[in-house]
Amino acid sequence: MKYVIIIPDGAADHPLEELDGKTPFEAAHIPNMDKLAMTGRQGTVATTPEGFPCGSDVCSMSLLGYSPVKYHKGRAPLEAAALGIDLDPADWIFRINFVTVVEKLMQDHSAGAISSKEGKQLLADFIKLIEDEDIKVYPGVSYRNILVDQSNRDDRKGRDWSKLKTTPPHDIPGEAMDKYRPKGPNAELLNTLIDQSAKLFKGHEVNLTRRDLGEAPATHIWPWGQGQKPIVPSFESRFGLKGAMITAVDLLAGIASFIGWDRLDVPGQTSYHHDQDYPTAGEHGIKAIDDYDVVCVHVEAPDEASHQADAESKVGAIEAIDKHIVGPIHKVLEERSDEFGGYRILVLPDHYTSVATRKHDPTPPPFVMAGKHINNVVPKPFTEINAQHGDLQIKHGHELMEFFLNSGK
């Protein structure tokens, strides 16, 4: 039996005025997802446990079958794992964004989707300002980077970040930056780094060029998502299945690493709709089916479009995922079903991301699953409202995976 999971990140949404009162799913032409809904089952799944922030770290861990209450130790350690950073259990790890702040307001959590090459140039010069030998900084992809505090290694009593409060920059678009600076024990160190970055970046050649091109500059670094290395049992030890992840995002690759899945390198994978190679992602997803029991294809583009308040791109991303990923993969699964001993396919956003607010939303997102032993109850197109009226309303997100893999057998 083969299993495929497709995650259109942040694709769920509420009705939008610019879409004539429709959600992006309702406005999009998605015949392949609708086909799954007409033959399979729709429902909703609460991927954000009470008391947790609604973010892809928590929500993706949940939908992949791991309770955040038990296993989530912070977002940054997951991303660090994807970069192959050597972590000690005593280390504290932070995510660092390049952000754009204008007149003290958080304008863009991604510094205008700055390129990895530009980000590495900025980070290389920023690292020279850090005098503390226990602070290590590593470049990631685009605006995403990692900071590691090693002051607790070798049984030393270094900095304790357990009571520090930080805020994801994508949660505060248009709001005053200073209101959301790190607060709590040792926050002064991080705030000093933020201020040092502002001075360095103001006249940096990377930003001078970006301004000349009409692009948003990276005005500051922004630390958040701190945590320590989690201890997570492998997916194969729990479910007896070998898995693989296709994603452009280090966070999802990091989760895959911790649960023992392989990350498959797919050329043309980005976080954005305008330069995303959707057909290649679909093709690699199909190829992976022969080598793995479970294949997950994650696409970040709908989420990033939401954060940019771009409803048109969000609809376009959903349509492209349907056409180039869901459709081709489902076709192969159907054609080779007897050879595989059956199949199951699951399509779901990890969370809502609102175009109107540009923020994540903990409303339980919709899902649709189809395949062997999954019988249709109410044949309706795939939308948020139809999923809410479906017969499967899963209250604990990590329980969805068990249902997807083993129900009805």
Protein backbone atom coordinates (compact mmCIF):
# COMPACT_ATOMS: atom_id res chain seq x y z
CA MET A 1 0.00 0.00 0.00
CA LYS A 2 1.21 3.48 -0.90
CA TYR A 3 0.41 6.73 0.88
CA VAL A 4 0.79 10.30 -0.42
CA ILE A 5 0.30 13.50 1.59
CA ILE A 6 0.10 16.88 -0.17
CA ILE A 7 0.32 20.03 1.97
CA PRO A 8 -0.67 23.36 0.34
CA ASP A 9 0.72 25.41 3.22
CA GLY A 10 -1.67 28.01 4.64
CA ALA A 11 -4.15 27.53 1.79
CA ALA A 12 -7.24 27.57 4.03
CA ASP A 13 -8.83 30.98 4.45
CA HIS A 14 -12.01 32.90 5.16
CA PRO A 15 -14.27 34.60 2.57
CA LEU A 16 -12.54 37.55 0.93
CA GLU A 17 -14.10 40.68 -0.47
CA GLU A 18 -11.70 40.72 -3.41
CA LEU A 19 -12.87 37.21 -4.32
CA ASP A 20 -16.56 38.21 -4.24
CA GLY A 21 -17.08 36.70 -0.83
CA LYS A 22 -15.43 33.38 -1.67
CA THR A 23 -12.44 31.71 -0.03
CA PRO A 24 -9.41 31.00 -2.24
CA PHE A 25 -10.40 27.30 -2.33
CA GLU A 26 -13.90 28.27 -3.48
CA ALA A 27 -12.57 30.71 -6.07
CA ALA A 28 -9.95 28.32 -7.44
CA HIS A 29 -10.51 25.79 -10.23
CA ILE A 30 -9.49 22.55 -8.49
CA PRO A 31 -11.05 19.62 -10.34
CA ASN A 32 -8.59 17.09 -8.91
CA MET A 33 -9.16 18.01 -5.26
CA ASP A 34 -12.89 18.07 -5.99
CA LYS A 35 -12.63 14.57 -7.46
CA LEU A 36 -11.02 13.35 -4.26
CA ALA A 37 -13.79 14.99 -2.25
CA MET A 38 -16.51 13.43 -4.39
CA THR A 39 -15.09 9.93 -3.95
CA GLY A 40 -13.41 10.17 -0.55
CA ARG A 41 -14.06 11.98 2.72
CA GLN A 42 -13.77 15.56 3.88
CA GLY A 43 -13.33 16.86 7.38
CA THR A 44 -11.39 19.24 9.59
CA VAL A 45 -8.46 18.68 11.93
CA ALA A 46 -7.39 20.81 14.87
CA THR A 47 -3.65 21.09 14.22
CA THR A 48 -3.05 23.81 16.83
CA PRO A 49 -3.34 22.44 20.38
CA GLU A 50 -4.69 24.77 23.04
CA GLY A 51 -1.99 27.04 24.40
CA PHE A 52 0.30 26.67 21.36
CA PRO A 53 0.99 29.29 18.68
CA CYS A 54 -0.52 28.63 15.27
CA GLY A 55 2.58 28.07 13.13
CA SER A 56 3.83 25.54 10.63
CA ASP A 57 6.16 24.01 13.21
CA VAL A 58 3.32 23.08 15.56
CA CYS A 59 0.74 22.36 12.86
CA SER A 60 2.95 20.28 10.55
CA MET A 61 4.28 18.22 13.44
CA SER A 62 0.69 17.60 14.44
CA LEU A 63 -0.58 16.56 11.02
CA LEU A 64 2.41 14.23 10.54
CA GLY A 65 1.30 12.29 13.59
CA TYR A 66 3.37 13.80 16.43
CA SER A 67 1.69 15.54 19.35
CA PRO A 68 3.22 19.01 19.83
CA VAL A 69 2.28 18.78 23.51
CA LYS A 70 4.71 15.88 23.81
CA TYR A 71 7.39 16.57 21.21
CA HIS A 72 7.50 20.29 20.36
CA LYS A 73 10.53 22.00 21.91
CA GLY A 74 10.61 25.08 19.69
CA ARG A 75 10.59 25.88 15.99
CA ALA A 76 14.22 26.78 15.50
CA PRO A 77 15.67 23.35 16.45
CA LEU A 78 13.61 21.77 13.67
CA GLU A 79 15.03 24.12 11.06
CA ALA A 80 18.56 23.73 12.39
CA ALA A 81 18.30 19.97 11.86
CA ALA A 82 17.51 20.51 8.19
CA LEU A 83 20.70 22.56 7.80
CA GLY A 84 22.77 19.75 9.30
CA ILE A 85 23.92 21.89 12.23
CA ASP A 86 25.61 19.88 14.97
CA LEU A 87 23.42 20.47 18.03
CA ASP A 88 24.02 19.59 21.65
CA PRO A 89 20.97 18.86 23.83
CA ALA A 90 22.04 21.78 26.04
CA ASP A 91 22.07 24.30 23.17
CA TRP A 92 19.38 26.92 22.71
CA ILE A 93 18.48 27.53 19.08
CA PHE A 94 16.78 30.59 17.55
CA ARG A 95 15.33 31.30 14.14
CA ILE A 96 16.56 34.62 12.75
CA ASN A 97 14.62 36.41 10.00
CA PHE A 98 15.78 39.23 7.84
CA VAL A 99 12.89 41.71 8.11
CA THR A 100 11.90 45.09 6.72
CA VAL A 101 10.95 47.74 9.25
CA VAL A 102 9.68 51.11 7.98
CA GLU A 103 9.11 54.00 10.38
CA LYS A 104 9.40 51.50 13.26
CA LEU A 105 6.59 49.33 11.84
CA MET A 106 7.09 45.70 10.81
CA GLN A 107 6.48 45.85 7.10
CA ASP A 108 7.73 42.51 5.79
CA HIS A 109 8.76 39.35 7.67
CA SER A 110 10.87 38.20 4.70
CA ALA A 111 12.71 41.40 3.68
CA GLY A 112 11.01 41.31 0.31
CA ALA A 113 11.74 37.60 -0.16
CA ILE A 114 15.45 38.35 -0.12
CA SER A 115 17.58 35.82 -2.00
CA SER A 116 19.80 33.30 -0.25
CA LYS A 117 22.87 34.84 -1.91
CA GLU A 118 22.04 38.33 -0.61
CA GLY A 119 21.20 36.92 2.82
CA LYS A 120 24.54 35.17 3.10
CA GLN A 121 26.36 38.41 2.25
CA LEU A 122 24.53 40.28 4.98
CA LEU A 123 24.99 37.50 7.52
CA ALA A 124 28.72 37.15 6.82
CA ASP A 125 29.22 40.80 7.78
CA PHE A 126 26.81 40.61 10.71
CA ILE A 127 28.69 37.68 12.24
CA LYS A 128 31.80 39.86 12.51
CA LEU A 129 29.95 42.03 15.04
CA ILE A 130 29.29 39.16 17.46
CA GLU A 131 31.87 39.12 20.25
CA ASP A 132 30.41 36.28 22.34
CA GLU A 133 32.19 33.05 21.32
CA ASP A 134 29.21 30.94 22.42
CA ILE A 135 26.91 32.58 19.86
CA LYS A 136 27.03 30.92 16.45
CA VAL A 137 25.01 32.06 13.43
CA TYR A 138 24.27 29.97 10.33
CA PRO A 139 22.75 31.03 7.00
CA GLY A 140 19.63 29.28 5.80
CA VAL A 141 17.37 29.78 2.78
CA SER A 142 16.25 33.25 1.71
CA TYR A 143 15.30 35.27 4.81
CA ARG A 144 15.59 32.33 7.23
CA ASN A 145 18.71 31.83 9.39
CA ILE A 146 19.69 30.11 12.64
CA LEU A 147 21.41 31.32 15.83
CA VAL A 148 22.76 28.80 18.36
CA ASP A 149 23.73 29.66 21.94
CA GLN A 150 26.30 27.10 23.10
CA SER A 151 26.86 28.62 26.55
CA ASN A 152 25.42 25.57 28.35
CA ARG A 153 27.70 22.99 26.74
CA ASP A 154 30.22 20.94 28.75
CA ASP A 155 28.10 21.15 31.90
CA ARG A 156 28.48 24.91 32.06
CA LYS A 157 25.68 27.03 33.51
CA GLY A 158 25.15 29.47 30.71
CA ARG A 159 22.13 31.46 29.60
CA ASP A 160 18.65 30.13 30.35
CA TRP A 161 16.18 31.17 27.67
CA SER A 162 13.21 29.19 28.97
CA LYS A 163 11.31 32.27 30.17
CA LEU A 164 12.14 34.51 27.22
CA LYS A 165 9.22 35.79 25.13
CA THR A 166 9.69 36.34 21.39
CA THR A 167 7.21 37.00 18.61
CA PRO A 168 7.17 35.66 15.02
CA PRO A 169 7.51 38.64 12.66
CA HIS A 170 4.79 37.28 10.38
CA ASP A 171 2.35 37.70 13.29
CA ILE A 172 2.83 41.48 13.53
CA PRO A 173 2.57 42.99 10.03
CA GLY A 174 2.08 46.75 10.23
CA GLU A 175 2.61 46.82 13.99
CA ALA A 176 5.24 48.64 16.05
CA MET A 177 8.45 46.64 16.13
CA ASP A 178 9.53 47.84 19.58
CA LYS A 179 6.34 46.54 21.19
CA TYR A 180 7.31 42.98 20.23
CA ARG A 181 11.05 42.97 20.91
CA PRO A 182 12.36 39.99 22.91
CA LYS A 183 11.41 40.28 26.57
CA GLY A 184 12.61 38.45 29.66
CA PRO A 185 15.90 37.02 30.97
CA ASN A 186 18.85 37.66 28.62
CA ALA A 187 16.67 39.64 26.21
CA GLU A 188 19.22 42.47 26.27
CA LEU A 189 21.66 40.35 24.27
CA LEU A 190 19.16 39.75 21.48
CA ASN A 191 18.00 43.35 21.41
CA THR A 192 21.61 44.46 21.10
CA LEU A 193 22.01 42.18 18.09
CA ILE A 194 18.84 43.63 16.54
CA ASP A 195 20.17 47.17 16.96
CA GLN A 196 23.64 46.26 15.67
CA SER A 197 22.10 44.74 12.56
CA ALA A 198 20.09 47.90 11.89
CA LYS A 199 23.23 50.03 11.92
CA LEU A 200 25.15 47.60 9.72
CA PHE A 201 22.39 46.97 7.19
CA LYS A 202 21.40 50.62 6.69
CA GLY A 203 24.28 51.36 4.34
CA HIS A 204 25.13 47.82 3.27
CA GLU A 205 25.78 47.32 -0.44
CA VAL A 206 23.14 44.58 -0.61
CA ASN A 207 20.46 46.97 0.58
CA LEU A 208 21.70 49.84 -1.56
CA THR A 209 21.25 47.62 -4.60
CA ARG A 210 17.85 46.39 -3.44
CA ARG A 211 16.63 49.95 -2.94
CA ASP A 212 17.89 50.93 -6.42
CA LEU A 213 15.86 48.04 -7.84
CA GLY A 214 12.76 49.05 -5.90
CA GLU A 215 13.00 46.02 -3.62
CA ALA A 216 12.45 45.94 0.14
CA PRO A 217 15.72 46.17 2.09
CA ALA A 218 16.66 43.90 4.98
CA THR A 219 16.67 46.48 7.77
CA HIS A 220 17.08 44.20 10.83
CA ILE A 221 17.58 40.66 12.02
CA TRP A 222 14.68 39.33 14.13
CA PRO A 223 15.22 36.40 16.55
CA TRP A 224 12.32 34.16 17.57
CA GLY A 225 11.15 30.52 17.76
CA GLN A 226 13.72 29.51 20.39
CA GLY A 227 13.98 26.00 21.75
CA GLN A 228 16.17 22.99 22.38
CA LYS A 229 16.78 19.78 20.47
CA PRO A 230 13.80 17.40 20.79
CA ILE A 231 13.99 13.63 21.14
CA VAL A 232 11.52 12.14 18.67
CA PRO A 233 10.80 8.48 17.83
CA SER A 234 11.07 7.65 14.15
CA PHE A 235 8.00 7.37 11.95
CA GLU A 236 9.09 3.90 10.86
CA SER A 237 9.36 2.68 14.46
CA ARG A 238 5.82 3.90 15.13
CA PHE A 239 4.03 3.01 11.91
CA GLY A 240 6.35 0.58 10.13
CA LEU A 241 6.55 2.79 7.03
CA LYS A 242 9.45 4.50 5.26
CA GLY A 243 8.83 8.15 4.36
CA ALA A 244 10.18 11.01 2.25
CA MET A 245 9.59 14.77 2.20
CA ILE A 246 9.63 17.16 -0.75
CA THR A 247 9.79 20.78 0.41
CA ALA A 248 11.61 24.06 -0.14
CA VAL A 249 11.31 24.96 3.54
CA ASP A 250 13.91 24.02 6.14
CA LEU A 251 11.25 23.71 8.83
CA LEU A 252 9.48 20.82 7.09
CA ALA A 253 12.81 19.28 6.16
CA GLY A 254 13.83 19.50 9.81
CA ILE A 255 10.70 17.74 11.00
CA ALA A 256 11.35 15.07 8.36
CA SER A 257 14.88 14.66 9.65
CA PHE A 258 13.75 14.18 13.24
CA ILE A 259 11.15 11.54 12.31
CA GLY A 260 13.61 9.66 10.10
CA TRP A 261 12.31 10.64 6.67
CA ASP A 262 14.54 11.45 3.72
CA ARG A 263 14.43 14.94 2.22
CA LEU A 264 14.35 14.71 -1.57
CA ASP A 265 16.15 17.45 -3.47
CA VAL A 266 13.85 18.87 -6.15
CA PRO A 267 15.22 21.53 -8.51
CA GLY A 268 12.99 24.58 -8.86
CA GLN A 269 11.38 24.32 -5.43
CA THR A 270 10.89 27.76 -3.84
CA SER A 271 8.56 29.30 -1.29
CA TYR A 272 6.74 31.54 -3.77
CA HIS A 273 4.15 31.22 -6.52
CA HIS A 274 5.84 33.36 -9.17
CA ASP A 275 8.98 31.21 -9.45
CA GLN A 276 7.74 27.83 -8.23
CA ASP A 277 8.30 24.82 -10.55
CA TYR A 278 5.09 22.95 -9.77
CA PRO A 279 5.39 20.30 -12.54
CA THR A 280 8.84 19.20 -11.34
CA ALA A 281 7.54 18.85 -7.77
CA GLY A 282 4.76 16.61 -9.07
CA GLU A 283 7.15 14.55 -11.18
CA HIS A 284 9.52 13.96 -8.26
CA GLY A 285 6.59 13.06 -6.06
CA ILE A 286 5.59 10.38 -8.56
CA LYS A 287 9.15 9.03 -8.80
CA ALA A 288 9.41 8.78 -5.02
CA ILE A 289 6.36 6.53 -4.76
CA ASP A 290 8.39 3.54 -5.98
CA ASP A 291 11.03 3.93 -3.26
CA TYR A 292 8.96 4.97 -0.24
CA ASP A 293 5.80 3.89 1.55
CA VAL A 294 4.80 7.47 2.39
CA VAL A 295 5.59 10.50 0.22
CA CYS A 296 4.81 14.04 1.39
CA VAL A 297 4.86 17.00 -1.02
CA HIS A 298 4.80 20.35 0.78
CA VAL A 299 4.30 23.64 -1.10
CA GLU A 300 4.81 26.93 0.76
CA ALA A 301 3.44 29.27 -1.92
CA PRO A 302 -0.17 29.74 -0.64
CA ASP A 303 1.13 30.72 2.80
CA GLU A 304 3.59 33.28 1.46
CA ALA A 305 0.90 34.77 -0.79
CA SER A 306 -1.33 35.16 2.27
CA HIS A 307 1.41 36.93 4.22
CA GLN A 308 1.72 39.37 1.30
CA ALA A 309 -2.09 39.90 1.21
CA ASP A 310 -2.05 38.63 -2.38
CA ALA A 311 -5.33 36.80 -2.98
CA GLU A 312 -4.70 36.42 -6.71
CA SER A 313 -1.40 34.61 -6.19
CA LYS A 314 -2.95 32.45 -3.48
CA VAL A 315 -5.68 31.27 -5.84
CA GLY A 316 -3.07 30.72 -8.56
CA ALA A 317 -0.91 28.65 -6.22
CA ILE A 318 -3.84 26.45 -5.18
CA GLU A 319 -4.80 25.89 -8.82
CA ALA A 320 -1.20 25.03 -9.77
CA ILE A 321 -0.92 22.54 -6.90
CA ASP A 322 -4.15 20.92 -8.03
CA LYS A 323 -3.12 20.75 -11.69
CA HIS A 324 0.55 19.81 -11.45
CA ILE A 325 0.80 17.88 -8.19
CA VAL A 326 -2.54 16.49 -6.98
CA GLY A 327 -3.80 15.50 -10.43
CA PRO A 328 -0.72 13.72 -11.81
CA ILE A 329 0.04 11.93 -8.54
CA HIS A 330 -3.54 10.73 -8.09
CA LYS A 331 -3.62 9.52 -11.69
CA VAL A 332 -0.53 7.35 -11.16
CA LEU A 333 -1.89 6.01 -7.89
CA GLU A 334 -5.12 5.00 -9.59
CA GLU A 335 -3.36 3.43 -12.59
CA ARG A 336 -0.98 1.42 -10.42
CA SER A 337 -3.33 0.70 -7.53
CA ASP A 338 -3.32 -3.09 -8.03
CA GLU A 339 0.49 -3.11 -8.26
CA PHE A 340 0.73 -1.15 -5.00
CA GLY A 341 -1.87 -3.21 -3.19
CA GLY A 342 -3.99 -0.08 -2.97
CA TYR A 343 -3.28 3.55 -2.12
CA ARG A 344 -4.44 6.46 -0.02
CA ILE A 345 -4.00 10.17 -0.71
CA LEU A 346 -4.46 13.04 1.75
CA VAL A 347 -4.57 16.75 0.84
CA LEU A 348 -4.66 19.37 3.60
CA PRO A 349 -3.30 22.76 4.58
CA ASP A 350 -1.43 22.76 7.88
CA HIS A 351 -3.37 25.83 9.05
CA TYR A 352 -5.39 28.81 7.87
CA THR A 353 -3.43 31.86 6.75
CA SER A 354 -5.65 34.89 6.27
CA VAL A 355 -5.08 37.16 3.29
CA ALA A 356 -7.10 39.84 5.11
CA THR A 357 -4.93 39.90 8.23
CA ARG A 358 -1.71 38.42 6.74
CA LYS A 359 -1.57 36.15 9.81
CA HIS A 360 -1.95 32.49 10.71
CA ASP A 361 -5.29 31.41 12.15
CA PRO A 362 -5.87 28.42 14.49
CA THR A 363 -9.24 27.54 12.91
CA PRO A 364 -9.09 23.76 12.20
CA PRO A 365 -8.13 23.46 8.50
CA PRO A 366 -9.99 21.25 6.03
CA PHE A 367 -8.69 17.96 4.66
CA VAL A 368 -9.75 15.48 2.03
CA MET A 369 -8.61 11.86 1.79
CA ALA A 370 -9.40 9.14 -0.71
CA GLY A 371 -8.32 5.64 -1.62
CA LYS A 372 -8.65 2.09 -0.37
CA HIS A 373 -11.37 1.52 2.24
CA ILE A 374 -12.22 5.24 2.38
CA ASN A 375 -15.90 5.59 1.52
CA ASN A 376 -17.67 8.79 0.56
CA VAL A 377 -20.36 10.10 2.87
CA VAL A 378 -21.33 13.48 1.38
CA PRO A 379 -20.20 14.07 -2.23
CA LYS A 380 -19.43 17.78 -2.37
CA PRO A 381 -16.54 19.87 -3.76
CA PHE A 382 -13.55 20.50 -1.51
CA THR A 383 -14.05 23.72 0.45
CA GLU A 384 -13.67 24.90 4.00
CA ILE A 385 -17.43 24.98 4.62
CA ASN A 386 -18.05 21.54 3.10
CA ALA A 387 -15.24 20.09 5.19
CA GLN A 388 -16.77 21.65 8.30
CA HIS A 389 -20.00 19.81 7.46
CA GLY A 390 -18.18 16.53 6.86
CA ASP A 391 -18.40 13.58 9.21
CA LEU A 392 -14.75 13.70 10.36
CA GLN A 393 -13.96 16.47 12.83
CA ILE A 394 -10.67 15.46 14.45
CA LYS A 395 -10.04 17.33 17.70
CA HIS A 396 -6.44 16.23 18.24
CA GLY A 397 -4.42 16.85 15.10
CA HIS A 398 -1.81 14.14 15.65
CA GLU A 399 -4.56 11.48 15.54
CA LEU A 400 -5.29 12.16 11.86
CA MET A 401 -2.21 10.24 10.72
CA GLU A 402 -3.31 7.06 12.49
CA PHE A 403 -6.74 7.37 10.88
CA PHE A 404 -5.24 8.03 7.43
CA LEU A 405 -2.87 5.07 7.59
CA ASN A 406 -4.95 2.45 9.33
CA SER A 407 -8.69 3.20 9.37
CA GLY A 408 -10.96 0.62 7.78
CA LYS A 409 -8.30 -2.07 7.43
